[in-house]
């Protein structure tokens, strides 16, 4: 053995340390440091799928979906039974509006982890954008058991159902929920139930004089769901006005921010083809 060369046991120990520390600093928000550690893990163990899973997860946080997908591809070539890699790759495909690929990955994830099916709302959203509205409605209906107080699950069930039954029949079938404490979500629920107007949603945003960070979050949800409401009401001009505002700040909304940007992109493309 050459001087300084590691034994396989030493490599394994170093790899486990890098993976463990990488996940720790990533969870702490130290993304750049996590990426350095992940690159080191890939360098010393290029046949270890977890190293690519970690690096891909970091690239996803850094909003580099195409690069993240390459790492998840490599991870799944090495270990196709790694459920989290299918899930993460599905999320990144969705960010790129690669809906069919996203849905396929979510389905692969659920083959490996079937207990996650009722709560897999990302799959429901992918089904909506894939035009599989009946299946989407069924996904969100199943989510009723998991998200009993979640306006978003009920609204997405309505959006799918409206495509199947029409808005007038879908409205009475709006899922019943408890109290969603996020402002202005309950007003959004009433909007889709026909008991509130769009202006009521925007008025509710400023309830209680929220601090700037909370106001930004509230405005995001207001504009996202007003955009979806107007699109479902066949008013693409108003829909885009609100979706443009929801999609503007990539630091707000998490995965739903990506939903806003995908919907904006698809709606803009459709408008340009008219």
C-alpha atoms as a PDB file:
ATOM      1  CA  UNK A   1       0.000   0.000   0.000  1.00  0.00           C
ATOM      2  CA  UNK A   2       1.373   3.422  -0.927  1.00  0.00           C
ATOM      3  CA  UNK A   3       2.156   5.934   1.844  1.00  0.00           C
ATOM      4  CA  UNK A   4      -0.985   7.896   2.815  1.00  0.00           C
ATOM      5  CA  UNK A   5      -3.347   5.534   0.996  1.00  0.00           C
ATOM      6  CA  UNK A   6      -6.504   4.708   2.992  1.00  0.00           C
ATOM      7  CA  UNK A   7      -7.648   1.201   3.725  1.00  0.00           C
ATOM      8  CA  UNK A   8     -11.268   0.319   2.772  1.00  0.00           C
ATOM      9  CA  UNK A   9     -12.200   0.465   6.465  1.00  0.00           C
ATOM     10  CA  UNK A  10     -10.762   3.943   6.800  1.00  0.00           C
ATOM     11  CA  UNK A  11     -12.643   5.078   3.684  1.00  0.00           C
ATOM     12  CA  UNK A  12     -15.882   3.734   5.093  1.00  0.00           C
ATOM     13  CA  UNK A  13     -15.407   5.555   8.374  1.00  0.00           C
ATOM     14  CA  UNK A  14     -14.519   8.804   6.594  1.00  0.00           C
ATOM     15  CA  UNK A  15     -17.520   8.444   4.273  1.00  0.00           C
ATOM     16  CA  UNK A  16     -19.954   7.930   7.150  1.00  0.00           C
ATOM     17  CA  UNK A  17     -18.518  10.983   8.921  1.00  0.00           C
ATOM     18  CA  UNK A  18     -18.881  13.136   5.798  1.00  0.00           C
ATOM     19  CA  UNK A  19     -22.458  11.997   5.156  1.00  0.00           C
ATOM     20  CA  UNK A  20     -23.488  12.496   8.756  1.00  0.00           C
ATOM     21  CA  UNK A  21     -21.870  15.919   9.053  1.00  0.00           C
ATOM     22  CA  UNK A  22     -23.167  16.962   5.633  1.00  0.00           C
ATOM     23  CA  UNK A  23     -26.771  16.251   6.641  1.00  0.00           C
ATOM     24  CA  UNK A  24     -26.265  18.036   9.961  1.00  0.00           C
ATOM     25  CA  UNK A  25     -24.965  21.263   8.446  1.00  0.00           C
ATOM     26  CA  UNK A  26     -27.550  21.141   5.657  1.00  0.00           C
ATOM     27  CA  UNK A  27     -30.353  20.959   8.227  1.00  0.00           C
ATOM     28  CA  UNK A  28     -28.711  23.891  10.010  1.00  0.00           C
ATOM     29  CA  UNK A  29     -28.904  25.936   6.810  1.00  0.00           C
ATOM     30  CA  UNK A  30     -25.157  25.889   6.130  1.00  0.00           C
ATOM     31  CA  UNK A  31     -25.660  24.925   2.504  1.00  0.00           C
ATOM     32  CA  UNK A  32     -22.260  25.842   1.079  1.00  0.00           C
ATOM     33  CA  UNK A  33     -20.431  23.882   3.772  1.00  0.00           C
ATOM     34  CA  UNK A  34     -22.750  20.931   3.187  1.00  0.00           C
ATOM     35  CA  UNK A  35     -21.920  20.963  -0.523  1.00  0.00           C
ATOM     36  CA  UNK A  36     -18.187  20.841   0.193  1.00  0.00           C
ATOM     37  CA  UNK A  37     -18.709  17.790   2.397  1.00  0.00           C
ATOM     38  CA  UNK A  38     -20.951  16.096  -0.182  1.00  0.00           C
ATOM     39  CA  UNK A  39     -18.364  16.606  -2.924  1.00  0.00           C
ATOM     40  CA  UNK A  40     -15.739  15.037  -0.681  1.00  0.00           C
ATOM     41  CA  UNK A  41     -18.047  12.072  -0.072  1.00  0.00           C
ATOM     42  CA  UNK A  42     -18.524  11.552  -3.822  1.00  0.00           C
ATOM     43  CA  UNK A  43     -14.767  11.822  -4.402  1.00  0.00           C
ATOM     44  CA  UNK A  44     -13.810   9.121  -1.889  1.00  0.00           C
ATOM     45  CA  UNK A  45     -16.795   6.844  -2.623  1.00  0.00           C
ATOM     46  CA  UNK A  46     -17.950   7.254  -6.243  1.00  0.00           C
ATOM     47  CA  UNK A  47     -19.988   4.032  -6.004  1.00  0.00           C
ATOM     48  CA  UNK A  48     -21.908   5.110  -2.894  1.00  0.00           C
ATOM     49  CA  UNK A  49     -25.495   6.157  -3.770  1.00  0.00           C
ATOM     50  CA  UNK A  50     -25.977   8.099  -0.540  1.00  0.00           C
ATOM     51  CA  UNK A  51     -23.193  10.504  -1.517  1.00  0.00           C
ATOM     52  CA  UNK A  52     -25.077  11.448  -4.692  1.00  0.00           C
ATOM     53  CA  UNK A  53     -28.335  11.636  -2.757  1.00  0.00           C
ATOM     54  CA  UNK A  54     -26.781  14.143  -0.358  1.00  0.00           C
ATOM     55  CA  UNK A  55     -25.189  16.247  -3.090  1.00  0.00           C
ATOM     56  CA  UNK A  56     -28.388  16.207  -5.145  1.00  0.00           C
ATOM     57  CA  UNK A  57     -30.409  17.297  -2.116  1.00  0.00           C
ATOM     58  CA  UNK A  58     -28.047  20.227  -1.582  1.00  0.00           C
ATOM     59  CA  UNK A  59     -28.205  21.248  -5.241  1.00  0.00           C
ATOM     60  CA  UNK A  60     -31.997  21.147  -4.960  1.00  0.00           C
ATOM     61  CA  UNK A  61     -31.865  23.559  -2.010  1.00  0.00           C
ATOM     62  CA  UNK A  62     -29.593  25.803  -4.068  1.00  0.00           C
ATOM     63  CA  UNK A  63     -32.231  25.751  -6.826  1.00  0.00           C
ATOM     64  CA  UNK A  64     -30.175  23.894  -9.434  1.00  0.00           C
ATOM     65  CA  UNK A  65     -32.800  21.306 -10.457  1.00  0.00           C
ATOM     66  CA  UNK A  66     -31.093  20.032 -13.615  1.00  0.00           C
ATOM     67  CA  UNK A  67     -27.829  19.394 -11.739  1.00  0.00           C
ATOM     68  CA  UNK A  68     -29.695  17.812  -8.832  1.00  0.00           C
ATOM     69  CA  UNK A  69     -31.472  15.441 -11.226  1.00  0.00           C
ATOM     70  CA  UNK A  70     -28.107  14.238 -12.567  1.00  0.00           C
ATOM     71  CA  UNK A  71     -27.043  13.291  -9.055  1.00  0.00           C
ATOM     72  CA  UNK A  72     -30.354  11.547  -8.361  1.00  0.00           C
ATOM     73  CA  UNK A  73     -29.965   9.706 -11.688  1.00  0.00           C
ATOM     74  CA  UNK A  74     -26.565   8.437 -10.566  1.00  0.00           C
ATOM     75  CA  UNK A  75     -27.928   7.538  -7.140  1.00  0.00           C
ATOM     76  CA  UNK A  76     -30.756   5.473  -8.625  1.00  0.00           C
ATOM     77  CA  UNK A  77     -28.458   3.714 -11.075  1.00  0.00           C
ATOM     78  CA  UNK A  78     -26.463   2.527  -8.084  1.00  0.00           C
ATOM     79  CA  UNK A  79     -29.471   1.752  -5.873  1.00  0.00           C
ATOM     80  CA  UNK A  80     -32.943   1.830  -7.489  1.00  0.00           C
ATOM     81  CA  UNK A  81     -34.490   0.833  -4.148  1.00  0.00           C
ATOM     82  CA  UNK A  82     -33.555   4.148  -2.521  1.00  0.00           C
ATOM     83  CA  UNK A  83     -37.049   5.622  -2.141  1.00  0.00           C
ATOM     84  CA  UNK A  84     -35.984   9.134  -1.135  1.00  0.00           C
ATOM     85  CA  UNK A  85     -34.054   9.562  -4.384  1.00  0.00           C
ATOM     86  CA  UNK A  86     -37.227   8.894  -6.424  1.00  0.00           C
ATOM     87  CA  UNK A  87     -39.119  11.431  -4.321  1.00  0.00           C
ATOM     88  CA  UNK A  88     -36.458  14.125  -4.587  1.00  0.00           C
ATOM     89  CA  UNK A  89     -35.983  13.588  -8.308  1.00  0.00           C
ATOM     90  CA  UNK A  90     -39.733  13.869  -8.807  1.00  0.00           C
ATOM     91  CA  UNK A  91     -39.718  17.229  -7.057  1.00  0.00           C
ATOM     92  CA  UNK A  92     -36.880  18.507  -9.249  1.00  0.00           C
ATOM     93  CA  UNK A  93     -38.563  17.314 -12.441  1.00  0.00           C
ATOM     94  CA  UNK A  94     -41.668  19.207 -11.335  1.00  0.00           C
ATOM     95  CA  UNK A  95     -39.669  22.428 -10.866  1.00  0.00           C
ATOM     96  CA  UNK A  96     -38.655  22.122 -14.527  1.00  0.00           C
ATOM     97  CA  UNK A  97     -42.319  21.538 -15.524  1.00  0.00           C
ATOM     98  CA  UNK A  98     -41.383  17.991 -16.583  1.00  0.00           C
ATOM     99  CA  UNK A  99     -44.711  16.748 -15.308  1.00  0.00           C
ATOM    100  CA  UNK A 100     -44.790  13.193 -16.667  1.00  0.00           C
ATOM    101  CA  UNK A 101     -41.277  12.485 -15.395  1.00  0.00           C
ATOM    102  CA  UNK A 102     -42.215  13.943 -12.020  1.00  0.00           C
ATOM    103  CA  UNK A 103     -45.328  11.807 -11.746  1.00  0.00           C
ATOM    104  CA  UNK A 104     -43.433   8.676 -12.744  1.00  0.00           C
ATOM    105  CA  UNK A 105     -40.876   9.295  -9.995  1.00  0.00           C
ATOM    106  CA  UNK A 106     -43.563   9.869  -7.374  1.00  0.00           C
ATOM    107  CA  UNK A 107     -45.246   6.619  -8.385  1.00  0.00           C
ATOM    108  CA  UNK A 108     -41.921   4.772  -8.104  1.00  0.00           C
ATOM    109  CA  UNK A 109     -41.458   6.267  -4.647  1.00  0.00           C
ATOM    110  CA  UNK A 110     -44.883   4.994  -3.599  1.00  0.00           C
ATOM    111  CA  UNK A 111     -44.134   1.509  -4.897  1.00  0.00           C
ATOM    112  CA  UNK A 112     -41.297   1.449  -2.379  1.00  0.00           C
ATOM    113  CA  UNK A 113     -43.164   3.287   0.369  1.00  0.00           C
ATOM    114  CA  UNK A 114     -46.898   2.607  -0.116  1.00  0.00           C
ATOM    115  CA  UNK A 115     -47.838   3.862   3.350  1.00  0.00           C
ATOM    116  CA  UNK A 116     -47.048   7.409   2.147  1.00  0.00           C
ATOM    117  CA  UNK A 117     -49.768   7.327  -0.551  1.00  0.00           C
ATOM    118  CA  UNK A 118     -52.638   9.107   1.299  1.00  0.00           C
ATOM    119  CA  UNK A 119     -50.493  12.104   2.179  1.00  0.00           C
ATOM    120  CA  UNK A 120     -48.616  12.424  -1.102  1.00  0.00           C
ATOM    121  CA  UNK A 121     -50.009  15.807  -2.096  1.00  0.00           C
ATOM    122  CA  UNK A 122     -47.129  16.464  -4.527  1.00  0.00           C
ATOM    123  CA  UNK A 123     -48.367  13.507  -6.561  1.00  0.00           C
ATOM    124  CA  UNK A 124     -51.871  14.986  -6.532  1.00  0.00           C
ATOM    125  CA  UNK A 125     -50.589  18.275  -7.901  1.00  0.00           C
ATOM    126  CA  UNK A 126     -48.568  16.454 -10.574  1.00  0.00           C
ATOM    127  CA  UNK A 127     -51.707  14.528 -11.572  1.00  0.00           C
ATOM    128  CA  UNK A 128     -53.545  17.844 -11.976  1.00  0.00           C
ATOM    129  CA  UNK A 129     -50.889  19.231 -14.319  1.00  0.00           C
ATOM    130  CA  UNK A 130     -50.727  15.925 -16.193  1.00  0.00           C
ATOM    131  CA  UNK A 131     -54.450  16.307 -16.930  1.00  0.00           C
ATOM    132  CA  UNK A 132     -55.311  13.215 -14.882  1.00  0.00           C
ATOM    133  CA  UNK A 133     -58.024  15.011 -12.949  1.00  0.00           C
ATOM    134  CA  UNK A 134     -60.029  12.028 -11.706  1.00  0.00           C
ATOM    135  CA  UNK A 135     -56.910  10.419 -10.270  1.00  0.00           C
ATOM    136  CA  UNK A 136     -55.927  13.778  -8.786  1.00  0.00           C
ATOM    137  CA  UNK A 137     -59.298  14.156  -7.089  1.00  0.00           C
ATOM    138  CA  UNK A 138     -58.915  10.650  -5.660  1.00  0.00           C
ATOM    139  CA  UNK A 139     -55.432  11.489  -4.354  1.00  0.00           C
ATOM    140  CA  UNK A 140     -56.661  14.585  -2.523  1.00  0.00           C
ATOM    141  CA  UNK A 141     -59.739  12.770  -1.261  1.00  0.00           C
ATOM    142  CA  UNK A 142     -57.394  10.204   0.299  1.00  0.00           C
ATOM    143  CA  UNK A 143     -55.461  13.121   1.775  1.00  0.00           C
ATOM    144  CA  UNK A 144     -58.551  14.102   3.737  1.00  0.00           C
ATOM    145  CA  UNK A 145     -57.498  11.516   6.345  1.00  0.00           C
ATOM    146  CA  UNK A 146     -54.080  13.127   6.720  1.00  0.00           C
ATOM    147  CA  UNK A 147     -54.866  16.823   6.238  1.00  0.00           C
ATOM    148  CA  UNK A 148     -58.121  17.281   8.133  1.00  0.00           C
ATOM    149  CA  UNK A 149     -57.420  20.991   8.772  1.00  0.00           C
ATOM    150  CA  UNK A 150     -55.691  21.851   5.498  1.00  0.00           C
ATOM    151  CA  UNK A 151     -57.378  24.270   3.094  1.00  0.00           C
ATOM    152  CA  UNK A 152     -54.881  23.503   0.343  1.00  0.00           C
ATOM    153  CA  UNK A 153     -55.779  19.812   0.174  1.00  0.00           C
ATOM    154  CA  UNK A 154     -59.472  20.748  -0.114  1.00  0.00           C
ATOM    155  CA  UNK A 155     -58.828  23.391  -2.779  1.00  0.00           C
ATOM    156  CA  UNK A 156     -56.730  21.072  -4.943  1.00  0.00           C
ATOM    157  CA  UNK A 157     -59.435  18.420  -4.638  1.00  0.00           C
ATOM    158  CA  UNK A 158     -61.891  21.044  -5.894  1.00  0.00           C
ATOM    159  CA  UNK A 159     -59.588  22.099  -8.770  1.00  0.00           C
ATOM    160  CA  UNK A 160     -59.345  18.487  -9.965  1.00  0.00           C
ATOM    161  CA  UNK A 161     -63.037  17.840  -9.421  1.00  0.00           C
ATOM    162  CA  UNK A 162     -64.036  20.992 -11.297  1.00  0.00           C
ATOM    163  CA  UNK A 163     -62.293  19.612 -14.373  1.00  0.00           C
ATOM    164  CA  UNK A 164     -64.236  16.352 -14.049  1.00  0.00           C
ATOM    165  CA  UNK A 165     -67.668  17.533 -12.882  1.00  0.00           C
ATOM    166  CA  UNK A 166     -67.673  21.226 -13.711  1.00  0.00           C
ATOM    167  CA  UNK A 167     -67.428  24.032 -11.100  1.00  0.00           C
ATOM    168  CA  UNK A 168     -71.113  24.011 -10.141  1.00  0.00           C
ATOM    169  CA  UNK A 169     -71.102  20.321  -9.210  1.00  0.00           C
ATOM    170  CA  UNK A 170     -67.628  20.433  -7.719  1.00  0.00           C
ATOM    171  CA  UNK A 171     -68.431  23.230  -5.279  1.00  0.00           C
ATOM    172  CA  UNK A 172     -70.932  21.245  -3.145  1.00  0.00           C
ATOM    173  CA  UNK A 173     -68.375  18.403  -3.067  1.00  0.00           C
ATOM    174  CA  UNK A 174     -65.682  20.656  -1.561  1.00  0.00           C
ATOM    175  CA  UNK A 175     -64.016  18.668   1.219  1.00  0.00           C
ATOM    176  CA  UNK A 176     -64.997  19.666   4.735  1.00  0.00           C
ATOM    177  CA  UNK A 177     -62.100  20.765   6.930  1.00  0.00           C
ATOM    178  CA  UNK A 178     -61.446  21.984  10.435  1.00  0.00           C
ATOM    179  CA  UNK A 179     -59.666  25.241  11.255  1.00  0.00           C
ATOM    180  CA  UNK A 180     -56.624  26.097   9.163  1.00  0.00           C
ATOM    181  CA  UNK A 181     -54.824  28.714  11.254  1.00  0.00           C
ATOM    182  CA  UNK A 182     -52.779  30.133   8.393  1.00  0.00           C
ATOM    183  CA  UNK A 183     -54.018  33.541   7.254  1.00  0.00           C
ATOM    184  CA  UNK A 184     -55.747  33.998   4.787  1.00  0.00           C
ATOM    185  CA  UNK A 185     -56.374  30.276   4.110  1.00  0.00           C
ATOM    186  CA  UNK A 186     -59.854  30.088   5.635  1.00  0.00           C
ATOM    187  CA  UNK A 187     -60.979  33.031   3.498  1.00  0.00           C
ATOM    188  CA  UNK A 188     -59.518  31.238   0.469  1.00  0.00           C
ATOM    189  CA  UNK A 189     -61.570  28.190   1.430  1.00  0.00           C
ATOM    190  CA  UNK A 190     -64.695  30.346   1.563  1.00  0.00           C
ATOM    191  CA  UNK A 191     -63.800  31.807  -1.835  1.00  0.00           C
ATOM    192  CA  UNK A 192     -63.784  28.374  -3.452  1.00  0.00           C
ATOM    193  CA  UNK A 193     -66.937  27.475  -1.506  1.00  0.00           C
ATOM    194  CA  UNK A 194     -68.704  30.503  -3.028  1.00  0.00           C
ATOM    195  CA  UNK A 195     -69.005  32.338   0.290  1.00  0.00           C
ATOM    196  CA  UNK A 196     -66.319  35.007  -0.248  1.00  0.00           C
ATOM    197  CA  UNK A 197     -65.024  37.312  -2.962  1.00  0.00           C
ATOM    198  CA  UNK A 198     -61.453  37.787  -4.200  1.00  0.00           C
ATOM    199  CA  UNK A 199     -61.247  41.174  -2.471  1.00  0.00           C
ATOM    200  CA  UNK A 200     -62.030  39.455   0.840  1.00  0.00           C
ATOM    201  CA  UNK A 201     -58.883  37.354   0.461  1.00  0.00           C
ATOM    202  CA  UNK A 202     -56.674  40.387  -0.079  1.00  0.00           C
ATOM    203  CA  UNK A 203     -58.312  42.251   2.813  1.00  0.00           C
ATOM    204  CA  UNK A 204     -57.697  39.329   5.172  1.00  0.00           C
ATOM    205  CA  UNK A 205     -53.957  39.367   4.384  1.00  0.00           C
ATOM    206  CA  UNK A 206     -53.402  42.466   6.529  1.00  0.00           C
ATOM    207  CA  UNK A 207     -55.458  41.252   9.449  1.00  0.00           C
ATOM    208  CA  UNK A 208     -53.705  41.941  12.752  1.00  0.00           C
ATOM    209  CA  UNK A 209     -51.020  44.145  11.158  1.00  0.00           C
ATOM    210  CA  UNK A 210     -48.528  41.294  10.528  1.00  0.00           C
ATOM    211  CA  UNK A 211     -44.757  41.892  10.451  1.00  0.00           C
ATOM    212  CA  UNK A 212     -43.132  42.085   6.989  1.00  0.00           C
ATOM    213  CA  UNK A 213     -42.050  38.418   6.835  1.00  0.00           C
ATOM    214  CA  UNK A 214     -45.519  37.180   7.749  1.00  0.00           C
ATOM    215  CA  UNK A 215     -47.153  39.647   5.365  1.00  0.00           C
ATOM    216  CA  UNK A 216     -44.965  38.400   2.514  1.00  0.00           C
ATOM    217  CA  UNK A 217     -46.008  34.804   3.216  1.00  0.00           C
ATOM    218  CA  UNK A 218     -49.691  35.740   3.415  1.00  0.00           C
ATOM    219  CA  UNK A 219     -49.514  37.677   0.150  1.00  0.00           C
ATOM    220  CA  UNK A 220     -47.904  34.684  -1.535  1.00  0.00           C
ATOM    221  CA  UNK A 221     -50.765  32.352  -0.591  1.00  0.00           C
ATOM    222  CA  UNK A 222     -53.357  34.981  -1.484  1.00  0.00           C
ATOM    223  CA  UNK A 223     -51.932  35.552  -4.965  1.00  0.00           C
ATOM    224  CA  UNK A 224     -51.303  31.854  -5.633  1.00  0.00           C
ATOM    225  CA  UNK A 225     -54.838  30.787  -4.840  1.00  0.00           C
ATOM    226  CA  UNK A 226     -56.435  33.813  -6.458  1.00  0.00           C
ATOM    227  CA  UNK A 227     -54.485  32.888  -9.587  1.00  0.00           C
ATOM    228  CA  UNK A 228     -55.736  29.316  -9.397  1.00  0.00           C
ATOM    229  CA  UNK A 229     -59.278  30.545  -8.702  1.00  0.00           C
ATOM    230  CA  UNK A 230     -59.316  32.821 -11.742  1.00  0.00           C
ATOM    231  CA  UNK A 231     -57.789  30.144 -13.945  1.00  0.00           C
ATOM    232  CA  UNK A 232     -60.485  27.688 -12.856  1.00  0.00           C
ATOM    233  CA  UNK A 233     -63.005  30.453 -13.612  1.00  0.00           C
ATOM    234  CA  UNK A 234     -61.614  30.766 -17.182  1.00  0.00           C
ATOM    235  CA  UNK A 235     -60.120  34.229 -16.667  1.00  0.00           C
ATOM    236  CA  UNK A 236     -56.467  33.713 -17.694  1.00  0.00           C
ATOM    237  CA  UNK A 237     -55.671  37.440 -17.674  1.00  0.00           C
ATOM    238  CA  UNK A 238     -56.505  37.879 -13.985  1.00  0.00           C
ATOM    239  CA  UNK A 239     -55.008  34.486 -13.230  1.00  0.00           C
ATOM    240  CA  UNK A 240     -51.648  35.560 -14.646  1.00  0.00           C
ATOM    241  CA  UNK A 241     -51.758  38.883 -12.791  1.00  0.00           C
ATOM    242  CA  UNK A 242     -51.870  37.039  -9.490  1.00  0.00           C
ATOM    243  CA  UNK A 243     -49.580  34.163 -10.461  1.00  0.00           C
ATOM    244  CA  UNK A 244     -46.921  36.637 -11.616  1.00  0.00           C
ATOM    245  CA  UNK A 245     -46.925  38.125  -8.122  1.00  0.00           C
ATOM    246  CA  UNK A 246     -46.926  34.725  -6.400  1.00  0.00           C
ATOM    247  CA  UNK A 247     -44.020  33.507  -8.546  1.00  0.00           C
ATOM    248  CA  UNK A 248     -41.879  36.616  -8.211  1.00  0.00           C
ATOM    249  CA  UNK A 249     -39.941  35.845  -5.013  1.00  0.00           C
ATOM    250  CA  UNK A 250     -38.211  32.436  -5.043  1.00  0.00           C
ATOM    251  CA  UNK A 251     -37.548  32.745  -1.330  1.00  0.00           C
ATOM    252  CA  UNK A 252     -41.232  32.456  -0.410  1.00  0.00           C
ATOM    253  CA  UNK A 253     -43.627  29.546  -0.607  1.00  0.00           C
ATOM    254  CA  UNK A 254     -41.318  26.537  -0.662  1.00  0.00           C
ATOM    255  CA  UNK A 255     -42.660  23.813  -2.957  1.00  0.00           C
ATOM    256  CA  UNK A 256     -45.865  25.794  -3.479  1.00  0.00           C
ATOM    257  CA  UNK A 257     -43.704  28.602  -4.815  1.00  0.00           C
ATOM    258  CA  UNK A 258     -42.516  26.149  -7.454  1.00  0.00           C
ATOM    259  CA  UNK A 259     -46.156  25.296  -8.149  1.00  0.00           C
ATOM    260  CA  UNK A 260     -46.853  28.997  -8.722  1.00  0.00           C
ATOM    261  CA  UNK A 261     -43.949  29.271 -11.166  1.00  0.00           C
ATOM    262  CA  UNK A 262     -44.924  26.116 -13.058  1.00  0.00           C
ATOM    263  CA  UNK A 263     -48.546  27.235 -13.352  1.00  0.00           C
ATOM    264  CA  UNK A 264     -47.433  30.693 -14.474  1.00  0.00           C
ATOM    265  CA  UNK A 265     -45.125  29.160 -17.076  1.00  0.00           C
ATOM    266  CA  UNK A 266     -47.784  26.828 -18.469  1.00  0.00           C
ATOM    267  CA  UNK A 267     -50.474  29.500 -18.496  1.00  0.00           C
ATOM    268  CA  UNK A 268     -48.158  32.010 -20.195  1.00  0.00           C
ATOM    269  CA  UNK A 269     -47.296  29.429 -22.847  1.00  0.00           C
ATOM    270  CA  UNK A 270     -50.974  28.758 -23.463  1.00  0.00           C
ATOM    271  CA  UNK A 271     -51.717  32.499 -23.710  1.00  0.00           C
ATOM    272  CA  UNK A 272     -48.919  32.985 -26.272  1.00  0.00           C
ATOM    273  CA  UNK A 273     -50.411  30.261 -28.480  1.00  0.00           C
ATOM    274  CA  UNK A 274     -53.803  31.941 -28.748  1.00  0.00           C
END
